[in-house]
Amino acid sequence: MFLLDYDDLRQSSDPERDLLTFLESTYRAGATAAGWDPGLLGSGCPE
């Protein structure tokens, strides 16, 4: 289970970056647990 405490995010010096880092790491962890090919994950950002 992944949890991001809202108060911690509110107190962050860069909440947008911290939220994105959290979301990307949980996505990667879920994809790995599901056995997805890591080469297919990508960054989610357009090139």
Protein backbone atom coordinates (compact mmCIF):
# COMPACT_ATOMS: atom_id res chain seq x y z
CA MET A 1 0.00 0.00 0.00
CA PHE A 2 1.22 3.48 -0.84
CA LEU A 3 0.31 6.52 1.21
CA LEU A 4 1.14 10.17 0.75
CA ASP A 5 0.16 12.28 3.72
CA TYR A 6 -1.59 15.46 2.57
CA ASP A 7 -0.06 17.52 5.38
CA ASP A 8 3.43 16.42 4.39
CA LEU A 9 2.73 17.46 0.83
CA ARG A 10 1.35 20.83 1.94
CA GLN A 11 4.51 21.51 3.96
CA SER A 12 6.85 20.56 1.12
CA SER A 13 9.01 23.24 -0.48
CA ASP A 14 8.02 21.82 -3.90
CA PRO A 15 4.70 19.96 -3.56
CA GLU A 16 4.20 19.56 -7.31
CA ARG A 17 7.55 17.79 -7.71
CA ASP A 18 6.96 15.64 -4.63
CA LEU A 19 3.50 14.59 -5.81
CA LEU A 20 4.80 13.70 -9.26
CA THR A 21 7.68 11.72 -7.73
CA PHE A 22 5.22 9.81 -5.53
CA LEU A 23 2.85 9.05 -8.41
CA GLU A 24 5.66 7.91 -10.71
CA SER A 25 7.18 5.66 -8.05
CA THR A 26 3.85 4.00 -7.21
CA TYR A 27 3.15 3.48 -10.92
CA ARG A 28 6.58 1.88 -11.38
CA ALA A 29 6.08 -0.35 -8.33
CA GLY A 30 2.67 -1.49 -9.56
CA ALA A 31 3.98 -2.16 -13.06
CA THR A 32 6.88 -4.16 -11.67
CA ALA A 33 4.55 -6.19 -9.42
CA ALA A 34 2.34 -6.89 -12.44
CA GLY A 35 5.34 -8.13 -14.42
CA TRP A 36 5.15 -5.46 -17.11
CA ASP A 37 8.17 -4.99 -19.36
CA PRO A 38 10.14 -2.07 -17.83
CA GLY A 39 11.12 -0.92 -21.33
CA LEU A 40 7.48 -0.19 -22.09
CA LEU A 41 6.80 2.01 -19.07
CA GLY A 42 8.31 5.27 -20.32
CA SER A 43 8.28 8.51 -18.42
CA GLY A 44 4.75 9.58 -19.32
CA CYS A 45 6.12 12.87 -20.67
CA PRO A 46 5.86 13.69 -24.35
CA GLU A 47 9.12 13.78 -26.24
